[in-house]
Amino acid sequence: MNTRRHFILTTIPAMTVLLATTRAATAEVGRLEETDPTALALGYKNDASQVDTKKFPTFVPGHICAGCQFYQGTAALGACSAVGGKLVAANGWCAVWAKKA
């Protein structure tokens, strides 16, 4: 038999979980800073012309984030799935660059 008490005891925890997951899903994604440990490991630069070619010999001039398959967006900043969806500069570069298909 369903009672008001049973309804309240099952609804409140369910709503709490739903609210918590909704907030986590809509949390604002931050910008990837060049000092971030992930950025340092990948040689990420906001401006591709600043890449250390001795340290990252795979860099090719003209290969920028906007032309990478991991870049999602068309603006000056876009999400990059290679770095957890953080925002990167369209004119940036990192070592996981791969040509858009």
PDB file of N, CA and C in Angstrom:
ATOM      1  N   MET A   1       0.840  -1.171   0.000  1.00  0.00           N
ATOM      2  CA  MET A   1       0.000   0.000   0.000  1.00  0.00           C
ATOM      3  C   MET A   1       0.890   1.240   0.000  1.00  0.00           C
ATOM      4  N   ASN A   2       0.631   2.163  -0.884  1.00  0.00           N
ATOM      5  CA  ASN A   2       1.404   3.403  -0.947  1.00  0.00           C
ATOM      6  C   ASN A   2       0.798   4.438  -0.018  1.00  0.00           C
ATOM      7  N   THR A   3       1.661   5.025   0.717  1.00  0.00           N
ATOM      8  CA  THR A   3       1.218   6.078   1.628  1.00  0.00           C
ATOM      9  C   THR A   3       1.964   7.355   1.313  1.00  0.00           C
ATOM     10  N   ARG A   4       1.498   8.409   1.890  1.00  0.00           N
ATOM     11  CA  ARG A   4       2.180   9.697   1.706  1.00  0.00           C
ATOM     12  C   ARG A   4       3.609   9.621   2.223  1.00  0.00           C
ATOM     13  N   ARG A   5       3.823   8.952   3.321  1.00  0.00           N
ATOM     14  CA  ARG A   5       5.166   8.815   3.892  1.00  0.00           C
ATOM     15  C   ARG A   5       6.080   8.065   2.932  1.00  0.00           C
ATOM     16  N   HIS A   6       5.614   7.002   2.348  1.00  0.00           N
ATOM     17  CA  HIS A   6       6.395   6.228   1.378  1.00  0.00           C
ATOM     18  C   HIS A   6       6.741   7.101   0.171  1.00  0.00           C
ATOM     19  N   PHE A   7       5.767   7.854  -0.318  1.00  0.00           N
ATOM     20  CA  PHE A   7       5.991   8.750  -1.451  1.00  0.00           C
ATOM     21  C   PHE A   7       7.087   9.768  -1.138  1.00  0.00           C
ATOM     22  N   ILE A   8       7.003  10.389   0.016  1.00  0.00           N
ATOM     23  CA  ILE A   8       7.993  11.405   0.403  1.00  0.00           C
ATOM     24  C   ILE A   8       9.368  10.773   0.582  1.00  0.00           C
ATOM     25  N   LEU A   9       9.433   9.614   1.200  1.00  0.00           N
ATOM     26  CA  LEU A   9      10.724   8.961   1.448  1.00  0.00           C
ATOM     27  C   LEU A   9      11.399   8.475   0.172  1.00  0.00           C
ATOM     28  N   THR A  10      10.650   8.248  -0.887  1.00  0.00           N
ATOM     29  CA  THR A  10      11.273   7.846  -2.141  1.00  0.00           C
ATOM     30  C   THR A  10      11.495   9.016  -3.100  1.00  0.00           C
ATOM     31  N   THR A  11      10.643  10.013  -3.027  1.00  0.00           N
ATOM     32  CA  THR A  11      10.741  11.141  -3.950  1.00  0.00           C
ATOM     33  C   THR A  11      11.868  12.097  -3.595  1.00  0.00           C
ATOM     34  N   ILE A  12      12.028  12.439  -2.350  1.00  0.00           N
ATOM     35  CA  ILE A  12      13.053  13.407  -1.954  1.00  0.00           C
ATOM     36  C   ILE A  12      14.459  12.935  -2.313  1.00  0.00           C
ATOM     37  N   PRO A  13      14.860  11.700  -1.992  1.00  0.00           N
ATOM     38  CA  PRO A  13      16.207  11.273  -2.415  1.00  0.00           C
ATOM     39  C   PRO A  13      16.368  11.258  -3.934  1.00  0.00           C
ATOM     40  N   ALA A  14      15.337  10.847  -4.650  1.00  0.00           N
ATOM     41  CA  ALA A  14      15.418  10.821  -6.109  1.00  0.00           C
ATOM     42  C   ALA A  14      15.575  12.226  -6.667  1.00  0.00           C
ATOM     43  N   MET A  15      14.854  13.183  -6.153  1.00  0.00           N
ATOM     44  CA  MET A  15      14.952  14.567  -6.619  1.00  0.00           C
ATOM     45  C   MET A  15      16.321  15.154  -6.273  1.00  0.00           C
ATOM     46  N   THR A  16      16.858  14.787  -5.129  1.00  0.00           N
ATOM     47  CA  THR A  16      18.177  15.267  -4.725  1.00  0.00           C
ATOM     48  C   THR A  16      19.239  14.775  -5.702  1.00  0.00           C
ATOM     49  N   VAL A  17      19.195  13.508  -6.070  1.00  0.00           N
ATOM     50  CA  VAL A  17      20.146  12.945  -7.024  1.00  0.00           C
ATOM     51  C   VAL A  17      19.979  13.601  -8.388  1.00  0.00           C
ATOM     52  N   LEU A  18      18.755  13.786  -8.825  1.00  0.00           N
ATOM     53  CA  LEU A  18      18.494  14.420 -10.113  1.00  0.00           C
ATOM     54  C   LEU A  18      19.020  15.846 -10.144  1.00  0.00           C
ATOM     55  N   LEU A  19      18.796  16.593  -9.094  1.00  0.00           N
ATOM     56  CA  LEU A  19      19.283  17.974  -9.021  1.00  0.00           C
ATOM     57  C   LEU A  19      20.805  18.024  -9.028  1.00  0.00           C
ATOM     58  N   ALA A  20      21.445  17.137  -8.292  1.00  0.00           N
ATOM     59  CA  ALA A  20      22.910  17.115  -8.229  1.00  0.00           C
ATOM     60  C   ALA A  20      23.514  16.775  -9.591  1.00  0.00           C
ATOM     61  N   THR A  21      22.952  15.808 -10.297  1.00  0.00           N
ATOM     62  CA  THR A  21      23.508  15.442 -11.599  1.00  0.00           C
ATOM     63  C   THR A  21      23.250  16.526 -12.641  1.00  0.00           C
ATOM     64  N   THR A  22      22.134  17.220 -12.538  1.00  0.00           N
ATOM     65  CA  THR A  22      21.840  18.311 -13.466  1.00  0.00           C
ATOM     66  C   THR A  22      22.824  19.447 -13.272  1.00  0.00           C
ATOM     67  N   ARG A  23      23.120  19.796 -12.047  1.00  0.00           N
ATOM     68  CA  ARG A  23      24.095  20.865 -11.777  1.00  0.00           C
ATOM     69  C   ARG A  23      25.473  20.488 -12.279  1.00  0.00           C
ATOM     70  N   ALA A  24      25.874  19.245 -12.087  1.00  0.00           N
ATOM     71  CA  ALA A  24      27.193  18.804 -12.549  1.00  0.00           C
ATOM     72  C   ALA A  24      27.265  18.834 -14.069  1.00  0.00           C
ATOM     73  N   ALA A  25      26.197  18.474 -14.730  1.00  0.00           N
ATOM     74  CA  ALA A  25      26.197  18.443 -16.190  1.00  0.00           C
ATOM     75  C   ALA A  25      26.216  19.836 -16.800  1.00  0.00           C
ATOM     76  N   THR A  26      25.662  20.814 -16.110  1.00  0.00           N
ATOM     77  CA  THR A  26      25.602  22.163 -16.660  1.00  0.00           C
ATOM     78  C   THR A  26      26.696  23.073 -16.110  1.00  0.00           C
ATOM     79  N   ALA A  27      27.634  22.516 -15.375  1.00  0.00           N
ATOM     80  CA  ALA A  27      28.721  23.326 -14.833  1.00  0.00           C
ATOM     81  C   ALA A  27      29.523  23.941 -15.980  1.00  0.00           C
ATOM     82  N   GLU A  28      29.929  25.160 -15.803  1.00  0.00           N
ATOM     83  CA  GLU A  28      30.669  25.868 -16.847  1.00  0.00           C
ATOM     84  C   GLU A  28      32.056  25.250 -17.024  1.00  0.00           C
ATOM     85  N   VAL A  29      32.404  25.032 -18.261  1.00  0.00           N
ATOM     86  CA  VAL A  29      33.710  24.459 -18.597  1.00  0.00           C
ATOM     87  C   VAL A  29      34.726  25.589 -18.627  1.00  0.00           C
ATOM     88  N   GLY A  30      35.870  25.365 -18.031  1.00  0.00           N
ATOM     89  CA  GLY A  30      36.897  26.392 -17.990  1.00  0.00           C
ATOM     90  C   GLY A  30      37.815  26.363 -19.203  1.00  0.00           C
ATOM     91  N   ARG A  31      38.574  27.399 -19.312  1.00  0.00           N
ATOM     92  CA  ARG A  31      39.547  27.523 -20.395  1.00  0.00           C
ATOM     93  C   ARG A  31      40.834  26.804 -19.999  1.00  0.00           C
ATOM     94  N   LEU A  32      41.449  26.148 -20.954  1.00  0.00           N
ATOM     95  CA  LEU A  32      42.722  25.469 -20.708  1.00  0.00           C
ATOM     96  C   LEU A  32      43.823  26.521 -20.685  1.00  0.00           C
ATOM     97  N   GLU A  33      44.494  26.613 -19.573  1.00  0.00           N
ATOM     98  CA  GLU A  33      45.605  27.552 -19.427  1.00  0.00           C
ATOM     99  C   GLU A  33      46.903  26.850 -19.805  1.00  0.00           C
ATOM    100  N   GLU A  34      47.847  27.595 -20.335  1.00  0.00           N
ATOM    101  CA  GLU A  34      49.132  27.016 -20.729  1.00  0.00           C
ATOM    102  C   GLU A  34      49.904  26.450 -19.543  1.00  0.00           C
ATOM    103  N   THR A  35      49.578  26.874 -18.332  1.00  0.00           N
ATOM    104  CA  THR A  35      50.262  26.389 -17.130  1.00  0.00           C
ATOM    105  C   THR A  35      49.605  25.143 -16.551  1.00  0.00           C
ATOM    106  N   ASP A  36      48.490  24.718 -17.105  1.00  0.00           N
ATOM    107  CA  ASP A  36      47.791  23.516 -16.655  1.00  0.00           C
ATOM    108  C   ASP A  36      48.700  22.307 -16.903  1.00  0.00           C
ATOM    109  N   PRO A  37      48.751  21.338 -15.983  1.00  0.00           N
ATOM    110  CA  PRO A  37      49.619  20.167 -16.178  1.00  0.00           C
ATOM    111  C   PRO A  37      49.356  19.423 -17.490  1.00  0.00           C
ATOM    112  N   THR A  38      48.104  19.320 -17.890  1.00  0.00           N
ATOM    113  CA  THR A  38      47.773  18.666 -19.159  1.00  0.00           C
ATOM    114  C   THR A  38      48.334  19.463 -20.326  1.00  0.00           C
ATOM    115  N   ALA A  39      48.175  20.777 -20.268  1.00  0.00           N
ATOM    116  CA  ALA A  39      48.680  21.647 -21.330  1.00  0.00           C
ATOM    117  C   ALA A  39      50.202  21.552 -21.430  1.00  0.00           C
ATOM    118  N   LEU A  40      50.861  21.524 -20.303  1.00  0.00           N
ATOM    119  CA  LEU A  40      52.320  21.409 -20.297  1.00  0.00           C
ATOM    120  C   LEU A  40      52.772  20.088 -20.909  1.00  0.00           C
ATOM    121  N   ALA A  41      52.086  19.005 -20.568  1.00  0.00           N
ATOM    122  CA  ALA A  41      52.461  17.699 -21.092  1.00  0.00           C
ATOM    123  C   ALA A  41      52.254  17.609 -22.608  1.00  0.00           C
ATOM    124  N   LEU A  42      51.237  18.307 -23.103  1.00  0.00           N
ATOM    125  CA  LEU A  42      50.930  18.255 -24.535  1.00  0.00           C
ATOM    126  C   LEU A  42      51.572  19.381 -25.330  1.00  0.00           C
ATOM    127  N   GLY A  43      52.262  20.265 -24.650  1.00  0.00           N
ATOM    128  CA  GLY A  43      52.902  21.389 -25.326  1.00  0.00           C
ATOM    129  C   GLY A  43      51.904  22.409 -25.845  1.00  0.00           C
ATOM    130  N   TYR A  44      50.726  22.494 -25.213  1.00  0.00           N
ATOM    131  CA  TYR A  44      49.680  23.400 -25.679  1.00  0.00           C
ATOM    132  C   TYR A  44      50.114  24.860 -25.582  1.00  0.00           C
ATOM    133  N   LYS A  45      49.834  25.583 -26.653  1.00  0.00           N
ATOM    134  CA  LYS A  45      50.071  27.026 -26.698  1.00  0.00           C
ATOM    135  C   LYS A  45      48.816  27.683 -27.256  1.00  0.00           C
ATOM    136  N   ASN A  46      48.426  28.824 -26.677  1.00  0.00           N
ATOM    137  CA  ASN A  46      47.276  29.582 -27.174  1.00  0.00           C
ATOM    138  C   ASN A  46      47.540  30.122 -28.573  1.00  0.00           C
ATOM    139  N   ASP A  47      48.802  30.342 -28.876  1.00  0.00           N
ATOM    140  CA  ASP A  47      49.217  30.859 -30.182  1.00  0.00           C
ATOM    141  C   ASP A  47      50.216  29.860 -30.767  1.00  0.00           C
ATOM    142  N   ALA A  48      49.834  29.208 -31.855  1.00  0.00           N
ATOM    143  CA  ALA A  48      50.662  28.157 -32.447  1.00  0.00           C
ATOM    144  C   ALA A  48      52.049  28.631 -32.847  1.00  0.00           C
ATOM    145  N   SER A  49      52.207  29.920 -33.097  1.00  0.00           N
ATOM    146  CA  SER A  49      53.527  30.419 -33.484  1.00  0.00           C
ATOM    147  C   SER A  49      54.512  30.409 -32.312  1.00  0.00           C
ATOM    148  N   GLN A  50      54.035  30.160 -31.117  1.00  0.00           N
ATOM    149  CA  GLN A  50      54.879  30.133 -29.927  1.00  0.00           C
ATOM    150  C   GLN A  50      55.336  28.716 -29.540  1.00  0.00           C
ATOM    151  N   VAL A  51      55.014  27.711 -30.344  1.00  0.00           N
ATOM    152  CA  VAL A  51      55.373  26.327 -30.037  1.00  0.00           C
ATOM    153  C   VAL A  51      56.880  26.140 -30.112  1.00  0.00           C
ATOM    154  N   ASP A  52      57.437  25.447 -29.123  1.00  0.00           N
ATOM    155  CA  ASP A  52      58.866  25.126 -29.097  1.00  0.00           C
ATOM    156  C   ASP A  52      59.099  23.934 -30.040  1.00  0.00           C
ATOM    157  N   THR A  53      59.590  24.219 -31.235  1.00  0.00           N
ATOM    158  CA  THR A  53      59.754  23.171 -32.243  1.00  0.00           C
ATOM    159  C   THR A  53      60.868  22.179 -31.914  1.00  0.00           C
ATOM    160  N   LYS A  54      61.779  22.557 -31.040  1.00  0.00           N
ATOM    161  CA  LYS A  54      62.821  21.615 -30.613  1.00  0.00           C
ATOM    162  C   LYS A  54      62.224  20.570 -29.678  1.00  0.00           C
ATOM    163  N   LYS A  55      61.323  21.004 -28.827  1.00  0.00           N
ATOM    164  CA  LYS A  55      60.686  20.109 -27.873  1.00  0.00           C
ATOM    165  C   LYS A  55      59.561  19.310 -28.538  1.00  0.00           C
ATOM    166  N   PHE A  56      58.911  19.915 -29.529  1.00  0.00           N
ATOM    167  CA  PHE A  56      57.792  19.268 -30.231  1.00  0.00           C
ATOM    168  C   PHE A  56      58.039  19.300 -31.732  1.00  0.00           C
ATOM    169  N   PRO A  57      58.894  18.398 -32.225  1.00  0.00           N
ATOM    170  CA  PRO A  57      59.253  18.403 -33.652  1.00  0.00           C
ATOM    171  C   PRO A  57      58.103  18.022 -34.578  1.00  0.00           C
ATOM    172  N   THR A  58      56.993  17.503 -34.042  1.00  0.00           N
ATOM    173  CA  THR A  58      55.852  17.143 -34.885  1.00  0.00           C
ATOM    174  C   THR A  58      55.036  18.366 -35.295  1.00  0.00           C
ATOM    175  N   PHE A  59      55.337  19.513 -34.728  1.00  0.00           N
ATOM    176  CA  PHE A  59      54.591  20.732 -35.076  1.00  0.00           C
ATOM    177  C   PHE A  59      54.851  21.113 -36.531  1.00  0.00           C
ATOM    178  N   VAL A  60      53.764  21.450 -37.216  1.00  0.00           N
ATOM    179  CA  VAL A  60      53.835  21.925 -38.593  1.00  0.00           C
ATOM    180  C   VAL A  60      53.117  23.271 -38.634  1.00  0.00           C
ATOM    181  N   PRO A  61      53.766  24.317 -39.125  1.00  0.00           N
ATOM    182  CA  PRO A  61      53.085  25.610 -39.217  1.00  0.00           C
ATOM    183  C   PRO A  61      51.766  25.478 -39.990  1.00  0.00           C
ATOM    184  N   GLY A  62      50.741  26.114 -39.486  1.00  0.00           N
ATOM    185  CA  GLY A  62      49.419  26.035 -40.097  1.00  0.00           C
ATOM    186  C   GLY A  62      48.511  25.010 -39.448  1.00  0.00           C
ATOM    187  N   HIS A  63      49.083  24.091 -38.694  1.00  0.00           N
ATOM    188  CA  HIS A  63      48.271  23.119 -37.960  1.00  0.00           C
ATOM    189  C   HIS A  63      47.834  23.777 -36.653  1.00  0.00           C
ATOM    190  N   ILE A  64      46.616  24.259 -36.653  1.00  0.00           N
ATOM    191  CA  ILE A  64      46.083  24.947 -35.469  1.00  0.00           C
ATOM    192  C   ILE A  64      44.862  24.193 -34.954  1.00  0.00           C
ATOM    193  N   CYS A  65      44.452  24.501 -33.750  1.00  0.00           N
ATOM    194  CA  CYS A  65      43.330  23.811 -33.119  1.00  0.00           C
ATOM    195  C   CYS A  65      42.068  23.832 -33.977  1.00  0.00           C
ATOM    196  N   ALA A  66      41.794  24.934 -34.647  1.00  0.00           N
ATOM    197  CA  ALA A  66      40.580  25.036 -35.468  1.00  0.00           C
ATOM    198  C   ALA A  66      40.550  23.990 -36.577  1.00  0.00           C
ATOM    199  N   GLY A  67      41.696  23.472 -36.984  1.00  0.00           N
ATOM    200  CA  GLY A  67      41.766  22.457 -38.025  1.00  0.00           C
ATOM    201  C   GLY A  67      41.942  21.052 -37.483  1.00  0.00           C
ATOM    202  N   CYS A  68      41.786  20.881 -36.180  1.00  0.00           N
ATOM    203  CA  CYS A  68      41.992  19.590 -35.517  1.00  0.00           C
ATOM    204  C   CYS A  68      40.659  18.874 -35.331  1.00  0.00           C
ATOM    205  N   GLN A  69      40.681  17.556 -35.427  1.00  0.00           N
ATOM    206  CA  GLN A  69      39.460  16.775 -35.258  1.00  0.00           C
ATOM    207  C   GLN A  69      38.898  16.836 -33.836  1.00  0.00           C
ATOM    208  N   PHE A  70      39.707  17.181 -32.859  1.00  0.00           N
ATOM    209  CA  PHE A  70      39.247  17.240 -31.474  1.00  0.00           C
ATOM    210  C   PHE A  70      38.610  18.584 -31.118  1.00  0.00           C
ATOM    211  N   TYR A  71      38.796  19.589 -31.962  1.00  0.00           N
ATOM    212  CA  TYR A  71      38.269  20.939 -31.714  1.00  0.00           C
ATOM    213  C   TYR A  71      36.794  20.979 -32.081  1.00  0.00           C
ATOM    214  N   GLN A  72      35.991  21.473 -31.152  1.00  0.00           N
ATOM    215  CA  GLN A  72      34.551  21.560 -31.363  1.00  0.00           C
ATOM    216  C   GLN A  72      34.118  23.008 -31.233  1.00  0.00           C
ATOM    217  N   GLY A  73      33.896  23.633 -32.349  1.00  0.00           N
ATOM    218  CA  GLY A  73      33.464  25.020 -32.335  1.00  0.00           C
ATOM    219  C   GLY A  73      33.918  25.733 -33.586  1.00  0.00           C
ATOM    220  N   THR A  74      33.413  26.953 -33.736  1.00  0.00           N
ATOM    221  CA  THR A  74      33.782  27.764 -34.895  1.00  0.00           C
ATOM    222  C   THR A  74      34.249  29.150 -34.467  1.00  0.00           C
ATOM    223  N   ALA A  75      34.243  29.427 -33.188  1.00  0.00           N
ATOM    224  CA  ALA A  75      34.634  30.737 -32.674  1.00  0.00           C
ATOM    225  C   ALA A  75      36.114  30.750 -32.311  1.00  0.00           C
ATOM    226  N   ALA A  76      36.543  31.859 -31.724  1.00  0.00           N
ATOM    227  CA  ALA A  76      37.937  32.005 -31.299  1.00  0.00           C
ATOM    228  C   ALA A  76      38.300  31.004 -30.206  1.00  0.00           C
ATOM    229  N   LEU A  77      37.309  30.548 -29.443  1.00  0.00           N
ATOM    230  CA  LEU A  77      37.502  29.509 -28.437  1.00  0.00           C
ATOM    231  C   LEU A  77      36.553  28.370 -28.733  1.00  0.00           C
ATOM    232  N   GLY A  78      37.015  27.152 -28.506  1.00  0.00           N
ATOM    233  CA  GLY A  78      36.165  25.989 -28.704  1.00  0.00           C
ATOM    234  C   GLY A  78      36.564  24.884 -27.745  1.00  0.00           C
ATOM    235  N   ALA A  79      35.648  23.976 -27.495  1.00  0.00           N
ATOM    236  CA  ALA A  79      35.923  22.851 -26.611  1.00  0.00           C
ATOM    237  C   ALA A  79      36.824  21.851 -27.324  1.00  0.00           C
ATOM    238  N   CYS A  80      37.710  21.243 -26.564  1.00  0.00           N
ATOM    239  CA  CYS A  80      38.625  20.241 -27.113  1.00  0.00           C
ATOM    240  C   CYS A  80      38.407  18.928 -26.368  1.00  0.00           C
ATOM    241  N   SER A  81      37.984  17.903 -27.089  1.00  0.00           N
ATOM    242  CA  SER A  81      37.727  16.622 -26.443  1.00  0.00           C
ATOM    243  C   SER A  81      39.014  15.925 -25.997  1.00  0.00           C
ATOM    244  N   ALA A  82      40.146  16.314 -26.526  1.00  0.00           N
ATOM    245  CA  ALA A  82      41.417  15.704 -26.124  1.00  0.00           C
ATOM    246  C   ALA A  82      41.862  16.150 -24.733  1.00  0.00           C
ATOM    247  N   VAL A  83      41.321  17.272 -24.265  1.00  0.00           N
ATOM    248  CA  VAL A  83      41.698  17.783 -22.940  1.00  0.00           C
ATOM    249  C   VAL A  83      40.475  17.895 -22.035  1.00  0.00           C
ATOM    250  N   GLY A  84      39.562  16.967 -22.189  1.00  0.00           N
ATOM    251  CA  GLY A  84      38.410  16.916 -21.299  1.00  0.00           C
ATOM    252  C   GLY A  84      37.354  17.968 -21.558  1.00  0.00           C
ATOM    253  N   GLY A  85      37.292  18.489 -22.750  1.00  0.00           N
ATOM    254  CA  GLY A  85      36.262  19.464 -23.086  1.00  0.00           C
ATOM    255  C   GLY A  85      36.565  20.885 -22.675  1.00  0.00           C
ATOM    256  N   LYS A  86      37.762  21.122 -22.172  1.00  0.00           N
ATOM    257  CA  LYS A  86      38.124  22.495 -21.818  1.00  0.00           C
ATOM    258  C   LYS A  86      38.218  23.348 -23.076  1.00  0.00           C
ATOM    259  N   LEU A  87      38.065  24.657 -22.901  1.00  0.00           N
ATOM    260  CA  LEU A  87      38.116  25.577 -24.025  1.00  0.00           C
ATOM    261  C   LEU A  87      39.560  25.873 -24.414  1.00  0.00           C
ATOM    262  N   VAL A  88      39.828  25.821 -25.711  1.00  0.00           N
ATOM    263  CA  VAL A  88      41.154  26.122 -26.240  1.00  0.00           C
ATOM    264  C   VAL A  88      41.019  27.182 -27.328  1.00  0.00           C
ATOM    265  N   ALA A  89      42.113  27.851 -27.614  1.00  0.00           N
ATOM    266  CA  ALA A  89      42.121  28.894 -28.637  1.00  0.00           C
ATOM    267  C   ALA A  89      42.115  28.258 -30.029  1.00  0.00           C
ATOM    268  N   ALA A  90      41.339  28.831 -30.937  1.00  0.00           N
ATOM    269  CA  ALA A  90      41.275  28.329 -32.310  1.00  0.00           C
ATOM    270  C   ALA A  90      42.646  28.385 -32.974  1.00  0.00           C
ATOM    271  N   ASN A  91      43.470  29.369 -32.609  1.00  0.00           N
ATOM    272  CA  ASN A  91      44.809  29.518 -33.177  1.00  0.00           C
ATOM    273  C   ASN A  91      45.880  28.803 -32.361  1.00  0.00           C
ATOM    274  N   GLY A  92      45.458  27.959 -31.428  1.00  0.00           N
ATOM    275  CA  GLY A  92      46.394  27.238 -30.580  1.00  0.00           C
ATOM    276  C   GLY A  92      46.895  25.957 -31.234  1.00  0.00           C
ATOM    277  N   TRP A  93      47.682  25.206 -30.487  1.00  0.00           N
ATOM    278  CA  TRP A  93      48.226  23.934 -30.961  1.00  0.00           C
ATOM    279  C   TRP A  93      48.623  23.088 -29.769  1.00  0.00           C
ATOM    280  N   CYS A  94      48.543  21.752 -29.921  1.00  0.00           N
ATOM    281  CA  CYS A  94      49.120  20.811 -28.953  1.00  0.00           C
ATOM    282  C   CYS A  94      49.573  19.564 -29.686  1.00  0.00           C
ATOM    283  N   ALA A  95      50.266  18.718 -29.010  1.00  0.00           N
ATOM    284  CA  ALA A  95      50.902  17.540 -29.622  1.00  0.00           C
ATOM    285  C   ALA A  95      49.923  16.470 -30.102  1.00  0.00           C
ATOM    286  N   VAL A  96      48.665  16.519 -29.718  1.00  0.00           N
ATOM    287  CA  VAL A  96      47.713  15.512 -30.193  1.00  0.00           C
ATOM    288  C   VAL A  96      46.947  15.988 -31.433  1.00  0.00           C
ATOM    289  N   TRP A  97      47.414  17.042 -32.056  1.00  0.00           N
ATOM    290  CA  TRP A  97      46.735  17.584 -33.231  1.00  0.00           C
ATOM    291  C   TRP A  97      46.560  16.500 -34.281  1.00  0.00           C
ATOM    292  N   ALA A  98      45.335  16.405 -34.813  1.00  0.00           N
ATOM    293  CA  ALA A  98      45.024  15.467 -35.894  1.00  0.00           C
ATOM    294  C   ALA A  98      44.085  16.156 -36.870  1.00  0.00           C
ATOM    295  N   LYS A  99      44.370  16.034 -38.134  1.00  0.00           N
ATOM    296  CA  LYS A  99      43.593  16.725 -39.175  1.00  0.00           C
ATOM    297  C   LYS A  99      42.115  16.336 -39.117  1.00  0.00           C
ATOM    298  N   LYS A 100      41.253  17.354 -39.242  1.00  0.00           N
ATOM    299  CA  LYS A 100      39.813  17.098 -39.304  1.00  0.00           C
ATOM    300  C   LYS A 100      39.494  16.263 -40.518  1.00  0.00           C
ATOM    301  N   ALA A 101      38.592  15.336 -40.329  1.00  0.00           N
ATOM    302  CA  ALA A 101      38.189  14.464 -41.454  1.00  0.00           C
ATOM    303  C   ALA A 101      37.216  15.169 -42.369  1.00  0.00           C
TER     304      ALA A 101
END
